[in-house]
């Protein structure tokens, strides 16, 4: 059986985490949900996921992405930033691998995530 990529979803609202959990499905990905940046940092260090999905509404989200990029152990962890439609074009490209404006369809989320995971 092929190992499922681990994805850490970091968002305070339960609804955002639930949408991503349903979109990603239990059979394709191992999804770990956390609601704050501090828990996310600890989880990433412990589990070393393939991808971390960060809600831009969380205090410290871009700082976490930047610190992950700076550390050799986590530099290869892909980052996807969930942003509001009104700020979608304002995120610094060097901090995250990609961003997606929310709300987004499940298809758009899955397509963006799969694209990030397919990069080699």
N, C-alpha and C. Protein backbone atom coordinates (compact mmCIF):
# COMPACT_ATOMS: atom_id res chain seq x y z
N UNK A 1 0.84 -1.18 0.00
CA UNK A 1 0.00 0.00 0.00
C UNK A 1 0.88 1.25 0.00
N UNK A 2 0.58 2.18 -0.85
CA UNK A 2 1.35 3.41 -0.98
C UNK A 2 1.08 4.34 0.21
N UNK A 3 2.15 4.98 0.70
CA UNK A 3 2.02 5.90 1.82
C UNK A 3 1.31 7.17 1.38
N UNK A 4 0.38 7.60 2.21
CA UNK A 4 -0.37 8.83 1.91
C UNK A 4 0.43 10.04 2.37
N UNK A 5 0.50 11.10 1.55
CA UNK A 5 1.18 12.32 1.99
C UNK A 5 0.45 12.93 3.19
N UNK A 6 1.23 13.47 4.12
CA UNK A 6 0.66 14.13 5.29
C UNK A 6 0.50 15.61 5.00
N UNK A 7 -0.68 16.13 5.34
CA UNK A 7 -0.98 17.55 5.17
C UNK A 7 -1.44 18.09 6.52
N UNK A 8 -0.82 19.18 6.96
CA UNK A 8 -1.23 19.86 8.18
C UNK A 8 -2.09 21.06 7.77
N UNK A 9 -3.30 21.10 8.28
CA UNK A 9 -4.24 22.19 8.00
C UNK A 9 -4.32 23.06 9.25
N UNK A 10 -4.01 24.35 9.09
CA UNK A 10 -3.96 25.26 10.22
C UNK A 10 -4.97 26.39 10.00
N UNK A 11 -6.06 26.33 10.75
CA UNK A 11 -7.09 27.36 10.68
C UNK A 11 -7.89 27.35 11.96
N UNK A 12 -8.22 28.52 12.45
CA UNK A 12 -9.02 28.59 13.68
C UNK A 12 -10.46 28.15 13.44
N UNK A 13 -11.14 28.63 12.40
CA UNK A 13 -12.53 28.22 12.21
C UNK A 13 -12.65 26.72 11.89
N UNK A 14 -13.52 26.06 12.62
CA UNK A 14 -13.77 24.64 12.37
C UNK A 14 -14.24 24.39 10.95
N UNK A 15 -15.01 25.31 10.39
CA UNK A 15 -15.56 25.13 9.05
C UNK A 15 -14.50 25.03 7.97
N UNK A 16 -13.45 25.82 8.09
CA UNK A 16 -12.37 25.77 7.10
C UNK A 16 -11.65 24.43 7.20
N UNK A 17 -11.35 24.01 8.41
CA UNK A 17 -10.68 22.72 8.59
C UNK A 17 -11.57 21.58 8.10
N UNK A 18 -12.85 21.65 8.37
CA UNK A 18 -13.78 20.60 7.93
C UNK A 18 -13.85 20.55 6.41
N UNK A 19 -13.90 21.71 5.75
CA UNK A 19 -13.94 21.73 4.29
C UNK A 19 -12.71 21.06 3.71
N UNK A 20 -11.56 21.38 4.25
CA UNK A 20 -10.32 20.79 3.74
C UNK A 20 -10.25 19.29 4.03
N UNK A 21 -10.70 18.88 5.21
CA UNK A 21 -10.70 17.45 5.55
C UNK A 21 -11.59 16.68 4.57
N UNK A 22 -12.76 17.21 4.27
CA UNK A 22 -13.67 16.56 3.34
C UNK A 22 -13.12 16.58 1.91
N UNK A 23 -12.53 17.68 1.53
CA UNK A 23 -11.96 17.81 0.19
C UNK A 23 -10.81 16.84 -0.03
N UNK A 24 -9.96 16.73 0.96
CA UNK A 24 -8.77 15.89 0.82
C UNK A 24 -9.08 14.41 0.98
N UNK A 25 -10.08 14.08 1.75
CA UNK A 25 -10.48 12.69 1.93
C UNK A 25 -9.47 11.87 2.70
N UNK A 26 -9.95 10.93 3.47
CA UNK A 26 -9.10 10.10 4.30
C UNK A 26 -8.31 9.06 3.51
N UNK A 27 -8.78 8.71 2.34
CA UNK A 27 -8.11 7.65 1.58
C UNK A 27 -6.90 8.16 0.79
N UNK A 28 -6.83 9.44 0.50
CA UNK A 28 -5.73 9.98 -0.32
C UNK A 28 -4.63 10.65 0.48
N UNK A 29 -5.00 11.29 1.58
CA UNK A 29 -4.06 12.07 2.37
C UNK A 29 -4.27 11.81 3.86
N UNK A 30 -3.20 11.93 4.62
CA UNK A 30 -3.34 11.95 6.07
C UNK A 30 -3.44 13.42 6.45
N UNK A 31 -4.58 13.82 6.99
CA UNK A 31 -4.83 15.21 7.32
C UNK A 31 -4.75 15.39 8.83
N UNK A 32 -3.90 16.33 9.25
CA UNK A 32 -3.77 16.69 10.66
C UNK A 32 -4.28 18.11 10.79
N UNK A 33 -5.26 18.30 11.65
CA UNK A 33 -5.85 19.61 11.84
C UNK A 33 -5.36 20.25 13.13
N UNK A 34 -4.97 21.52 13.04
CA UNK A 34 -4.63 22.30 14.22
C UNK A 34 -5.26 23.69 14.07
N UNK A 35 -5.47 24.34 15.21
CA UNK A 35 -6.19 25.61 15.17
C UNK A 35 -5.34 26.84 15.45
N UNK A 36 -4.03 26.65 15.68
CA UNK A 36 -3.20 27.82 15.95
C UNK A 36 -1.77 27.58 15.45
N UNK A 37 -1.03 28.67 15.32
CA UNK A 37 0.32 28.62 14.75
C UNK A 37 1.29 27.88 15.65
N UNK A 38 1.19 28.05 16.95
CA UNK A 38 2.09 27.36 17.88
C UNK A 38 1.94 25.84 17.75
N UNK A 39 0.71 25.35 17.73
CA UNK A 39 0.48 23.91 17.56
C UNK A 39 0.97 23.44 16.19
N UNK A 40 0.80 24.29 15.19
CA UNK A 40 1.26 23.94 13.84
C UNK A 40 2.77 23.76 13.80
N UNK A 41 3.50 24.66 14.43
CA UNK A 41 4.96 24.57 14.44
C UNK A 41 5.41 23.27 15.10
N UNK A 42 4.79 22.92 16.21
CA UNK A 42 5.15 21.67 16.90
C UNK A 42 4.79 20.45 16.05
N UNK A 43 3.64 20.48 15.42
CA UNK A 43 3.19 19.36 14.59
C UNK A 43 4.10 19.16 13.39
N UNK A 44 4.48 20.24 12.74
CA UNK A 44 5.36 20.15 11.57
C UNK A 44 6.71 19.57 11.97
N UNK A 45 7.22 19.99 13.10
CA UNK A 45 8.50 19.47 13.57
C UNK A 45 8.42 17.98 13.88
N UNK A 46 7.32 17.55 14.48
CA UNK A 46 7.14 16.14 14.84
C UNK A 46 6.85 15.24 13.65
N UNK A 47 6.02 15.71 12.73
CA UNK A 47 5.51 14.85 11.66
C UNK A 47 6.13 15.09 10.29
N UNK A 48 6.78 16.21 10.07
CA UNK A 48 7.36 16.61 8.79
C UNK A 48 6.43 16.29 7.62
N UNK A 49 5.37 17.07 7.47
CA UNK A 49 4.39 16.82 6.42
C UNK A 49 4.91 17.19 5.04
N UNK A 50 4.20 16.76 4.02
CA UNK A 50 4.51 17.16 2.65
C UNK A 50 4.04 18.59 2.39
N UNK A 51 2.96 18.99 3.09
CA UNK A 51 2.33 20.29 2.85
C UNK A 51 1.72 20.82 4.13
N UNK A 52 1.80 22.14 4.30
CA UNK A 52 1.07 22.81 5.38
C UNK A 52 0.17 23.85 4.73
N UNK A 53 -1.10 23.81 5.09
CA UNK A 53 -2.09 24.77 4.60
C UNK A 53 -2.35 25.73 5.74
N UNK A 54 -2.02 27.00 5.52
CA UNK A 54 -2.12 28.04 6.56
C UNK A 54 -3.21 29.04 6.22
N UNK A 55 -4.05 29.33 7.20
CA UNK A 55 -5.07 30.36 7.06
C UNK A 55 -4.40 31.71 7.37
N UNK A 56 -4.44 32.61 6.41
CA UNK A 56 -3.80 33.92 6.57
C UNK A 56 -4.43 34.75 7.69
N UNK A 57 -5.63 34.40 8.12
CA UNK A 57 -6.29 35.13 9.19
C UNK A 57 -5.64 34.86 10.56
N UNK A 58 -4.82 33.83 10.66
CA UNK A 58 -4.15 33.52 11.92
C UNK A 58 -2.96 34.44 12.15
N UNK A 59 -2.85 34.96 13.36
CA UNK A 59 -1.66 35.74 13.71
C UNK A 59 -0.43 34.85 13.60
N UNK A 60 0.56 35.31 12.87
CA UNK A 60 1.81 34.58 12.75
C UNK A 60 1.86 33.57 11.62
N UNK A 61 0.86 33.53 10.76
CA UNK A 61 0.83 32.53 9.67
C UNK A 61 2.00 32.72 8.71
N UNK A 62 2.21 33.92 8.23
CA UNK A 62 3.31 34.13 7.28
C UNK A 62 4.67 34.01 7.96
N UNK A 63 4.73 34.36 9.23
CA UNK A 63 5.98 34.19 9.97
C UNK A 63 6.32 32.71 10.12
N UNK A 64 5.31 31.87 10.35
CA UNK A 64 5.54 30.44 10.43
C UNK A 64 6.04 29.92 9.09
N UNK A 65 5.40 30.33 8.00
CA UNK A 65 5.84 29.89 6.67
C UNK A 65 7.29 30.29 6.42
N UNK A 66 7.64 31.50 6.82
CA UNK A 66 9.00 31.98 6.64
C UNK A 66 10.00 31.18 7.47
N UNK A 67 9.64 30.88 8.71
CA UNK A 67 10.56 30.12 9.56
C UNK A 67 10.71 28.68 9.07
N UNK A 68 9.65 28.10 8.53
CA UNK A 68 9.75 26.75 7.97
C UNK A 68 10.71 26.74 6.78
N UNK A 69 10.62 27.75 5.95
CA UNK A 69 11.48 27.86 4.78
C UNK A 69 12.94 28.03 5.17
N UNK A 70 13.18 28.70 6.30
CA UNK A 70 14.55 29.01 6.74
C UNK A 70 15.27 27.84 7.39
N UNK A 71 14.53 26.87 7.91
CA UNK A 71 15.14 25.73 8.60
C UNK A 71 15.42 24.59 7.64
N UNK A 72 16.62 24.04 7.63
CA UNK A 72 16.95 22.95 6.71
C UNK A 72 16.01 21.74 6.82
N UNK A 73 15.58 21.41 8.06
CA UNK A 73 14.73 20.25 8.27
C UNK A 73 13.35 20.42 7.65
N UNK A 74 12.86 21.65 7.53
CA UNK A 74 11.50 21.89 7.04
C UNK A 74 11.47 22.71 5.75
N UNK A 75 12.61 22.99 5.18
CA UNK A 75 12.66 23.84 3.98
C UNK A 75 11.91 23.25 2.79
N UNK A 76 11.77 21.93 2.73
CA UNK A 76 11.08 21.30 1.61
C UNK A 76 9.59 21.12 1.82
N UNK A 77 9.08 21.49 2.99
CA UNK A 77 7.64 21.39 3.25
C UNK A 77 6.95 22.47 2.41
N UNK A 78 6.04 22.05 1.57
CA UNK A 78 5.29 23.00 0.73
C UNK A 78 4.32 23.78 1.61
N UNK A 79 4.05 25.03 1.23
CA UNK A 79 3.11 25.86 1.98
C UNK A 79 2.06 26.45 1.04
N UNK A 80 0.82 26.36 1.48
CA UNK A 80 -0.31 26.95 0.76
C UNK A 80 -0.99 27.90 1.74
N UNK A 81 -1.15 29.15 1.34
CA UNK A 81 -1.77 30.16 2.19
C UNK A 81 -3.19 30.40 1.73
N UNK A 82 -4.15 30.27 2.66
CA UNK A 82 -5.55 30.59 2.38
C UNK A 82 -5.75 32.06 2.66
N UNK A 83 -6.13 32.83 1.65
CA UNK A 83 -6.29 34.28 1.80
C UNK A 83 -7.70 34.68 1.43
N UNK A 84 -8.13 35.82 1.96
CA UNK A 84 -9.45 36.33 1.58
C UNK A 84 -9.36 36.90 0.17
N UNK A 85 -10.46 36.90 -0.51
CA UNK A 85 -10.48 37.40 -1.90
C UNK A 85 -9.97 38.84 -1.99
N UNK A 86 -10.22 39.64 -0.98
CA UNK A 86 -9.82 41.05 -1.03
C UNK A 86 -8.31 41.25 -0.92
N UNK A 87 -7.57 40.26 -0.39
CA UNK A 87 -6.12 40.40 -0.25
C UNK A 87 -5.34 39.38 -1.07
N UNK A 88 -6.00 38.71 -2.00
CA UNK A 88 -5.39 37.59 -2.73
C UNK A 88 -4.10 37.96 -3.45
N UNK A 89 -3.94 39.16 -3.93
CA UNK A 89 -2.74 39.52 -4.68
C UNK A 89 -1.64 40.15 -3.84
N UNK A 90 -1.83 40.27 -2.54
CA UNK A 90 -0.90 41.02 -1.70
C UNK A 90 0.13 40.17 -0.97
N UNK A 91 0.11 38.86 -1.07
CA UNK A 91 1.00 38.01 -0.29
C UNK A 91 2.40 37.95 -0.92
N UNK A 92 3.44 37.98 -0.10
CA UNK A 92 4.81 37.88 -0.62
C UNK A 92 5.07 36.49 -1.18
N UNK A 93 5.42 36.40 -2.44
CA UNK A 93 5.60 35.13 -3.13
C UNK A 93 6.73 34.30 -2.54
N UNK A 94 7.75 34.93 -1.97
CA UNK A 94 8.90 34.17 -1.47
C UNK A 94 8.61 33.45 -0.16
N UNK A 95 7.56 33.80 0.54
CA UNK A 95 7.25 33.20 1.84
C UNK A 95 6.50 31.88 1.69
N UNK A 96 5.61 31.79 0.73
CA UNK A 96 4.79 30.59 0.54
C UNK A 96 4.96 30.07 -0.88
N UNK A 97 4.62 28.80 -1.07
CA UNK A 97 4.69 28.23 -2.41
C UNK A 97 3.52 28.66 -3.28
N UNK A 98 2.36 28.85 -2.66
CA UNK A 98 1.17 29.25 -3.41
C UNK A 98 0.14 29.80 -2.43
N UNK A 99 -0.83 30.51 -2.98
CA UNK A 99 -1.96 30.96 -2.18
C UNK A 99 -3.23 30.70 -2.97
N UNK A 100 -4.34 30.66 -2.27
CA UNK A 100 -5.64 30.49 -2.92
C UNK A 100 -6.64 31.37 -2.19
N UNK A 101 -7.46 32.06 -2.96
CA UNK A 101 -8.47 32.94 -2.39
C UNK A 101 -9.64 32.11 -1.88
N UNK A 102 -10.06 32.44 -0.68
CA UNK A 102 -11.18 31.75 -0.04
C UNK A 102 -12.38 32.67 0.00
N UNK A 103 -13.59 32.17 -0.12
CA UNK A 103 -13.89 30.76 -0.25
C UNK A 103 -13.51 30.25 -1.64
N UNK A 104 -13.13 28.99 -1.68
CA UNK A 104 -12.77 28.33 -2.93
C UNK A 104 -13.56 27.03 -3.04
N UNK A 105 -13.78 26.61 -4.25
CA UNK A 105 -14.47 25.33 -4.43
C UNK A 105 -13.55 24.19 -4.01
N UNK A 106 -14.13 23.07 -3.69
CA UNK A 106 -13.35 21.89 -3.33
C UNK A 106 -12.45 21.48 -4.48
N UNK A 107 -12.95 21.59 -5.70
CA UNK A 107 -12.16 21.25 -6.88
C UNK A 107 -10.92 22.15 -6.98
N UNK A 108 -11.09 23.44 -6.79
CA UNK A 108 -9.96 24.38 -6.88
C UNK A 108 -8.94 24.11 -5.78
N UNK A 109 -9.40 23.84 -4.57
CA UNK A 109 -8.49 23.52 -3.47
C UNK A 109 -7.70 22.25 -3.76
N UNK A 110 -8.39 21.21 -4.17
CA UNK A 110 -7.72 19.94 -4.44
C UNK A 110 -6.73 20.08 -5.59
N UNK A 111 -7.10 20.79 -6.61
CA UNK A 111 -6.21 20.99 -7.76
C UNK A 111 -4.94 21.73 -7.34
N UNK A 112 -5.09 22.78 -6.53
CA UNK A 112 -3.93 23.55 -6.07
C UNK A 112 -3.04 22.69 -5.19
N UNK A 113 -3.63 21.93 -4.29
CA UNK A 113 -2.86 21.07 -3.39
C UNK A 113 -2.13 19.98 -4.16
N UNK A 114 -2.83 19.32 -5.05
CA UNK A 114 -2.18 18.28 -5.85
C UNK A 114 -1.04 18.85 -6.68
N UNK A 115 -1.22 20.05 -7.22
CA UNK A 115 -0.16 20.71 -7.98
C UNK A 115 1.08 20.95 -7.14
N UNK A 116 0.88 21.37 -5.91
CA UNK A 116 2.02 21.60 -5.01
C UNK A 116 2.73 20.30 -4.66
N UNK A 117 1.97 19.25 -4.46
CA UNK A 117 2.57 17.98 -4.07
C UNK A 117 3.25 17.27 -5.24
N UNK A 118 2.83 17.59 -6.46
CA UNK A 118 3.43 16.96 -7.64
C UNK A 118 4.77 17.59 -8.03
N UNK A 119 5.11 18.75 -7.46
CA UNK A 119 6.39 19.41 -7.77
C UNK A 119 7.55 18.57 -7.26
N UNK A 120 8.52 18.39 -8.07
CA UNK A 120 9.73 17.67 -7.62
C UNK A 120 10.96 18.47 -7.91
